C-alpha atoms as a PDB file:
ATOM      1  CA  UNK A   1     -35.863 -38.882  35.792  1.00  0.00           C
ATOM      2  CA  UNK A   2     -38.860 -36.917  32.939  1.00  0.00           C
ATOM      3  CA  UNK A   3     -38.998 -37.202  29.850  1.00  0.00           C
ATOM      4  CA  UNK A   4     -39.963 -33.966  28.440  1.00  0.00           C
ATOM      5  CA  UNK A   5     -41.703 -35.434  25.046  1.00  0.00           C
ATOM      6  CA  UNK A   6     -40.478 -33.091  21.580  1.00  0.00           C
ATOM      7  CA  UNK A   7     -43.788 -32.585  19.219  1.00  0.00           C
ATOM      8  CA  UNK A   8     -41.723 -32.563  15.793  1.00  0.00           C
ATOM      9  CA  UNK A   9     -43.882 -31.218  12.719  1.00  0.00           C
ATOM     10  CA  UNK A  10     -44.250 -32.892  10.333  1.00  0.00           C
ATOM     11  CA  UNK A  11     -45.041 -32.180   6.124  1.00  0.00           C
ATOM     12  CA  UNK A  12     -45.853 -33.600   3.795  1.00  0.00           C
ATOM     13  CA  UNK A  13     -44.045 -33.830   0.357  1.00  0.00           C
ATOM     14  CA  UNK A  14     -47.420 -34.284  -1.512  1.00  0.00           C
ATOM     15  CA  UNK A  15     -48.180 -30.450  -0.096  1.00  0.00           C
ATOM     16  CA  UNK A  16     -46.836 -26.917  -1.648  1.00  0.00           C
ATOM     17  CA  UNK A  17     -48.588 -25.338   1.427  1.00  0.00           C
ATOM     18  CA  UNK A  18     -45.650 -27.662   3.243  1.00  0.00           C
ATOM     19  CA  UNK A  19     -43.339 -28.350   1.155  1.00  0.00           C
ATOM     20  CA  UNK A  20     -39.782 -27.614   3.422  1.00  0.00           C
ATOM     21  CA  UNK A  21     -38.528 -25.157   1.166  1.00  0.00           C
ATOM     22  CA  UNK A  22     -42.142 -23.889   0.368  1.00  0.00           C
ATOM     23  CA  UNK A  23     -41.979 -19.916   1.897  1.00  0.00           C
ATOM     24  CA  UNK A  24     -44.322 -20.423   4.788  1.00  0.00           C
ATOM     25  CA  UNK A  25     -42.188 -23.045   6.608  1.00  0.00           C
ATOM     26  CA  UNK A  26     -38.758 -21.064   5.891  1.00  0.00           C
ATOM     27  CA  UNK A  27     -40.891 -18.147   7.960  1.00  0.00           C
ATOM     28  CA  UNK A  28     -41.153 -20.306  10.573  1.00  0.00           C
ATOM     29  CA  UNK A  29     -37.730 -21.885  10.736  1.00  0.00           C
ATOM     30  CA  UNK A  30     -36.889 -18.303  10.251  1.00  0.00           C
ATOM     31  CA  UNK A  31     -34.922 -18.385   6.961  1.00  0.00           C
ATOM     32  CA  UNK A  32     -35.443 -14.972   4.307  1.00  0.00           C
ATOM     33  CA  UNK A  33     -37.233 -16.562   1.273  1.00  0.00           C
ATOM     34  CA  UNK A  34     -37.193 -13.263  -0.313  1.00  0.00           C
ATOM     35  CA  UNK A  35     -33.462 -14.600   0.299  1.00  0.00           C
ATOM     36  CA  UNK A  36     -30.801 -14.945  -2.526  1.00  0.00           C
ATOM     37  CA  UNK A  37     -26.914 -16.981  -2.014  1.00  0.00           C
ATOM     38  CA  UNK A  38     -24.588 -17.836  -4.217  1.00  0.00           C
ATOM     39  CA  UNK A  39     -24.677 -21.123  -5.861  1.00  0.00           C
ATOM     40  CA  UNK A  40     -22.252 -23.659  -5.661  1.00  0.00           C
ATOM     41  CA  UNK A  41     -20.104 -22.272  -8.888  1.00  0.00           C
ATOM     42  CA  UNK A  42     -20.278 -18.512  -8.174  1.00  0.00           C
ATOM     43  CA  UNK A  43     -18.473 -18.984  -5.141  1.00  0.00           C
ATOM     44  CA  UNK A  44     -15.843 -21.921  -7.368  1.00  0.00           C
ATOM     45  CA  UNK A  45     -16.476 -18.908 -10.214  1.00  0.00           C
ATOM     46  CA  UNK A  46     -15.612 -15.971  -7.288  1.00  0.00           C
ATOM     47  CA  UNK A  47     -12.314 -18.057  -5.663  1.00  0.00           C
ATOM     48  CA  UNK A  48     -11.139 -18.078  -8.608  1.00  0.00           C
ATOM     49  CA  UNK A  49     -10.628 -14.734  -9.165  1.00  0.00           C
ATOM     50  CA  UNK A  50      -9.972 -13.182  -6.517  1.00  0.00           C
ATOM     51  CA  UNK A  51      -6.903 -16.015  -7.045  1.00  0.00           C
ATOM     52  CA  UNK A  52      -6.144 -14.767  -9.825  1.00  0.00           C
ATOM     53  CA  UNK A  53      -6.029 -10.964  -8.622  1.00  0.00           C
ATOM     54  CA  UNK A  54      -4.262 -11.667  -5.329  1.00  0.00           C
ATOM     55  CA  UNK A  55      -1.633 -14.018  -7.009  1.00  0.00           C
ATOM     56  CA  UNK A  56      -1.435 -10.871 -10.254  1.00  0.00           C
ATOM     57  CA  UNK A  57      -1.149  -8.579  -6.946  1.00  0.00           C
ATOM     58  CA  UNK A  58       1.543 -11.251  -6.030  1.00  0.00           C
ATOM     59  CA  UNK A  59       3.256 -11.293  -8.660  1.00  0.00           C
ATOM     60  CA  UNK A  60       3.806  -7.941  -9.988  1.00  0.00           C
ATOM     61  CA  UNK A  61       4.473  -6.632  -6.624  1.00  0.00           C
ATOM     62  CA  UNK A  62       7.291  -9.047  -6.552  1.00  0.00           C
ATOM     63  CA  UNK A  63       8.958  -8.036  -9.972  1.00  0.00           C
ATOM     64  CA  UNK A  64       9.372  -4.079  -8.223  1.00  0.00           C
ATOM     65  CA  UNK A  65      11.192  -5.413  -5.696  1.00  0.00           C
ATOM     66  CA  UNK A  66      13.176  -7.416  -7.620  1.00  0.00           C
ATOM     67  CA  UNK A  67      14.232  -4.870 -10.655  1.00  0.00           C
ATOM     68  CA  UNK A  68      14.371  -2.502  -7.513  1.00  0.00           C
ATOM     69  CA  UNK A  69      16.966  -4.725  -6.677  1.00  0.00           C
ATOM     70  CA  UNK A  70      19.164  -5.348  -9.500  1.00  0.00           C
ATOM     71  CA  UNK A  71      18.827  -1.490  -9.953  1.00  0.00           C
ATOM     72  CA  UNK A  72      20.298  -0.520  -6.574  1.00  0.00           C
ATOM     73  CA  UNK A  73      23.795  -3.503  -6.807  1.00  0.00           C
ATOM     74  CA  UNK A  74      24.207  -2.215 -10.433  1.00  0.00           C
ATOM     75  CA  UNK A  75      24.145   1.613  -9.372  1.00  0.00           C
ATOM     76  CA  UNK A  76      25.971   0.334  -6.181  1.00  0.00           C
ATOM     77  CA  UNK A  77      28.814  -0.607  -9.029  1.00  0.00           C
ATOM     78  CA  UNK A  78      28.924   1.906 -10.665  1.00  0.00           C
ATOM     79  CA  UNK A  79      29.600   4.032  -7.624  1.00  0.00           C
ATOM     80  CA  UNK A  80      32.270   1.380  -6.635  1.00  0.00           C
ATOM     81  CA  UNK A  81      33.930   1.421 -10.016  1.00  0.00           C
ATOM     82  CA  UNK A  82      33.873   5.867 -10.041  1.00  0.00           C
ATOM     83  CA  UNK A  83      35.345   5.484  -6.139  1.00  0.00           C
ATOM     84  CA  UNK A  84      37.999   3.108  -7.511  1.00  0.00           C
ATOM     85  CA  UNK A  85      38.832   5.417 -10.885  1.00  0.00           C
ATOM     86  CA  UNK A  86      38.765   8.379  -9.038  1.00  0.00           C
ATOM     87  CA  UNK A  87      41.413   6.735  -6.686  1.00  0.00           C
ATOM     88  CA  UNK A  88      44.160   6.326  -9.381  1.00  0.00           C
ATOM     89  CA  UNK A  89      43.033   9.691 -10.077  1.00  0.00           C
ATOM     90  CA  UNK A  90      44.105  11.501  -7.329  1.00  0.00           C
ATOM     91  CA  UNK A  91      47.362   9.626  -7.499  1.00  0.00           C
ATOM     92  CA  UNK A  92      47.949  10.664 -11.029  1.00  0.00           C
ATOM     93  CA  UNK A  93      48.054  14.571  -9.993  1.00  0.00           C
ATOM     94  CA  UNK A  94      51.508  15.828  -9.430  1.00  0.00           C
ATOM     95  CA  UNK A  95      52.914  12.272 -10.591  1.00  0.00           C
ATOM     96  CA  UNK A  96      54.680  10.421 -12.787  1.00  0.00           C
ATOM     97  CA  UNK A  97      54.365   6.792 -14.011  1.00  0.00           C
ATOM     98  CA  UNK A  98      56.530   4.181 -13.502  1.00  0.00           C
ATOM     99  CA  UNK A  99      55.615   1.548 -14.432  1.00  0.00           C
ATOM    100  CA  UNK A 100      53.543   0.297 -17.266  1.00  0.00           C
ATOM    101  CA  UNK A 101      56.244   2.052 -19.127  1.00  0.00           C
ATOM    102  CA  UNK A 102      55.642   4.630 -22.136  1.00  0.00           C
ATOM    103  CA  UNK A 103      53.243   2.327 -24.740  1.00  0.00           C
ATOM    104  CA  UNK A 104      53.470  -1.001 -23.478  1.00  0.00           C
ATOM    105  CA  UNK A 105      50.399  -1.861 -20.959  1.00  0.00           C
ATOM    106  CA  UNK A 106      50.397  -4.080 -17.660  1.00  0.00           C
ATOM    107  CA  UNK A 107      48.274  -4.376 -14.731  1.00  0.00           C
ATOM    108  CA  UNK A 108      50.676  -2.929 -11.561  1.00  0.00           C
ATOM    109  CA  UNK A 109      50.884   0.946 -11.987  1.00  0.00           C
ATOM    110  CA  UNK A 110      53.251   2.304  -9.735  1.00  0.00           C
ATOM    111  CA  UNK A 111      53.462   6.192  -9.402  1.00  0.00           C
ATOM    112  CA  UNK A 112      56.335   8.348  -7.523  1.00  0.00           C
ATOM    113  CA  UNK A 113      53.570  11.241  -6.608  1.00  0.00           C
ATOM    114  CA  UNK A 114      55.141  14.815  -5.566  1.00  0.00           C
ATOM    115  CA  UNK A 115      55.404  16.416  -2.841  1.00  0.00           C
ATOM    116  CA  UNK A 116      54.207  12.157  -1.083  1.00  0.00           C
ATOM    117  CA  UNK A 117      56.096  11.205   1.454  1.00  0.00           C
ATOM    118  CA  UNK A 118      55.986   7.062   0.639  1.00  0.00           C
ATOM    119  CA  UNK A 119      56.670   6.868  -2.603  1.00  0.00           C
ATOM    120  CA  UNK A 120      56.139   5.235  -5.280  1.00  0.00           C
ATOM    121  CA  UNK A 121      52.318   3.936  -4.603  1.00  0.00           C
ATOM    122  CA  UNK A 122      51.258   0.745  -6.245  1.00  0.00           C
ATOM    123  CA  UNK A 123      48.094  -0.013  -7.620  1.00  0.00           C
ATOM    124  CA  UNK A 124      47.770  -4.508  -8.428  1.00  0.00           C
ATOM    125  CA  UNK A 125      44.326  -7.070  -7.908  1.00  0.00           C
ATOM    126  CA  UNK A 126      45.181  -9.109  -5.489  1.00  0.00           C
ATOM    127  CA  UNK A 127      42.765 -12.032  -4.333  1.00  0.00           C
ATOM    128  CA  UNK A 128      40.201 -10.117  -6.692  1.00  0.00           C
ATOM    129  CA  UNK A 129      41.078  -6.501  -4.652  1.00  0.00           C
ATOM    130  CA  UNK A 130      42.636  -3.877  -5.870  1.00  0.00           C
ATOM    131  CA  UNK A 131      45.754  -2.901  -3.413  1.00  0.00           C
ATOM    132  CA  UNK A 132      46.824   0.383  -3.466  1.00  0.00           C
ATOM    133  CA  UNK A 133      50.426   0.209  -1.458  1.00  0.00           C
ATOM    134  CA  UNK A 134      52.349   3.026  -0.079  1.00  0.00           C
ATOM    135  CA  UNK A 135      55.415   2.770   2.507  1.00  0.00           C
ATOM    136  CA  UNK A 136      54.837  -1.186   3.056  1.00  0.00           C
ATOM    137  CA  UNK A 137      51.113  -0.357   3.845  1.00  0.00           C
ATOM    138  CA  UNK A 138      48.277  -1.986   1.472  1.00  0.00           C
ATOM    139  CA  UNK A 139      45.041  -0.670   1.509  1.00  0.00           C
ATOM    140  CA  UNK A 140      41.916  -2.783  -0.556  1.00  0.00           C
ATOM    141  CA  UNK A 141      40.311   0.512  -2.817  1.00  0.00           C
ATOM    142  CA  UNK A 142      37.155  -1.347  -3.079  1.00  0.00           C
ATOM    143  CA  UNK A 143      34.773  -2.716  -0.874  1.00  0.00           C
ATOM    144  CA  UNK A 144      34.281  -6.344   0.288  1.00  0.00           C
ATOM    145  CA  UNK A 145      31.363  -7.619  -1.797  1.00  0.00           C
ATOM    146  CA  UNK A 146      32.885  -6.513  -5.345  1.00  0.00           C
ATOM    147  CA  UNK A 147      35.039  -8.971  -7.162  1.00  0.00           C
ATOM    148  CA  UNK A 148      37.334  -7.287  -9.313  1.00  0.00           C
ATOM    149  CA  UNK A 149      38.355  -9.196 -11.673  1.00  0.00           C
ATOM    150  CA  UNK A 150      40.734  -7.685 -13.980  1.00  0.00           C
ATOM    151  CA  UNK A 151      42.684  -4.822 -13.856  1.00  0.00           C
ATOM    152  CA  UNK A 152      44.800  -3.352 -17.105  1.00  0.00           C
ATOM    153  CA  UNK A 153      47.070  -0.349 -17.108  1.00  0.00           C
ATOM    154  CA  UNK A 154      47.652   1.374 -20.419  1.00  0.00           C
ATOM    155  CA  UNK A 155      50.450   4.075 -20.715  1.00  0.00           C
ATOM    156  CA  UNK A 156      49.960   5.684 -24.512  1.00  0.00           C
ATOM    157  CA  UNK A 157      52.165   8.749 -26.296  1.00  0.00           C
ATOM    158  CA  UNK A 158      48.527  11.185 -27.278  1.00  0.00           C
ATOM    159  CA  UNK A 159      49.288  11.725 -30.654  1.00  0.00           C
ATOM    160  CA  UNK A 160      48.013  15.949 -30.471  1.00  0.00           C
ATOM    161  CA  UNK A 161      49.267  18.425 -28.580  1.00  0.00           C
ATOM    162  CA  UNK A 162      47.289  16.123 -25.534  1.00  0.00           C
ATOM    163  CA  UNK A 163      50.704  14.490 -24.836  1.00  0.00           C
ATOM    164  CA  UNK A 164      50.352  10.910 -22.934  1.00  0.00           C
ATOM    165  CA  UNK A 165      47.130   9.519 -21.934  1.00  0.00           C
ATOM    166  CA  UNK A 166      47.162   6.455 -19.022  1.00  0.00           C
ATOM    167  CA  UNK A 167      43.800   4.299 -19.777  1.00  0.00           C
ATOM    168  CA  UNK A 168      42.799   2.213 -16.957  1.00  0.00           C
ATOM    169  CA  UNK A 169      40.213  -0.734 -17.403  1.00  0.00           C
ATOM    170  CA  UNK A 170      39.077  -2.017 -14.854  1.00  0.00           C
ATOM    171  CA  UNK A 171      36.374  -5.439 -14.605  1.00  0.00           C
ATOM    172  CA  UNK A 172      34.554  -5.402 -11.933  1.00  0.00           C
ATOM    173  CA  UNK A 173      32.030  -7.933 -11.740  1.00  0.00           C
ATOM    174  CA  UNK A 174      31.741  -9.504 -15.218  1.00  0.00           C
ATOM    175  CA  UNK A 175      31.266  -5.579 -15.695  1.00  0.00           C
ATOM    176  CA  UNK A 176      34.381  -3.140 -17.548  1.00  0.00           C
ATOM    177  CA  UNK A 177      34.906   0.366 -16.563  1.00  0.00           C
ATOM    178  CA  UNK A 178      37.296   2.113 -18.527  1.00  0.00           C
ATOM    179  CA  UNK A 179      38.570   5.641 -18.256  1.00  0.00           C
ATOM    180  CA  UNK A 180      41.011   7.919 -20.206  1.00  0.00           C
ATOM    181  CA  UNK A 181      42.797  10.005 -18.247  1.00  0.00           C
ATOM    182  CA  UNK A 182      45.639  13.339 -20.134  1.00  0.00           C
ATOM    183  CA  UNK A 183      48.951  13.917 -18.892  1.00  0.00           C
ATOM    184  CA  UNK A 184      50.608  16.476 -18.614  1.00  0.00           C
ATOM    185  CA  UNK A 185      54.033  16.477 -20.839  1.00  0.00           C
END
């Protein structure tokens, strides 16, 4: 086995010419002595700034997404309420209210609709749903993600020449929606 000797150059720490960080020594080992480097404090400062910027950006993006989701849910709730109220308005066209009686309030609305074979139409609240029953068939009017918490129908005789009025109030997912329908005399 042959051993190769390795010559290690020793430098004196007393001489500036041969100091380990002198430009001459750095040049010999291939390090550019004019290059400036980041200190540990600068590196930590940049990491901290980067963390703050990324954290702020992610927080802002999360708030935008969350706000968008809330707006979408509110819009869908409003559309669902409008659909349900329009369905009640449809039933009232050419219809005669059987229940609630004039000047009374009820959670059930019964209507005889002229020209409709499956009378009476009946709107009731069953198991957090608004149901429309006609001819022995019941259909849920709202979608599955809507919780109907209350339904109130108020049949009022109008004090003006408008005649009778049906005021409908729906409480969906904790929010109330009301409409007033003027009925022919």
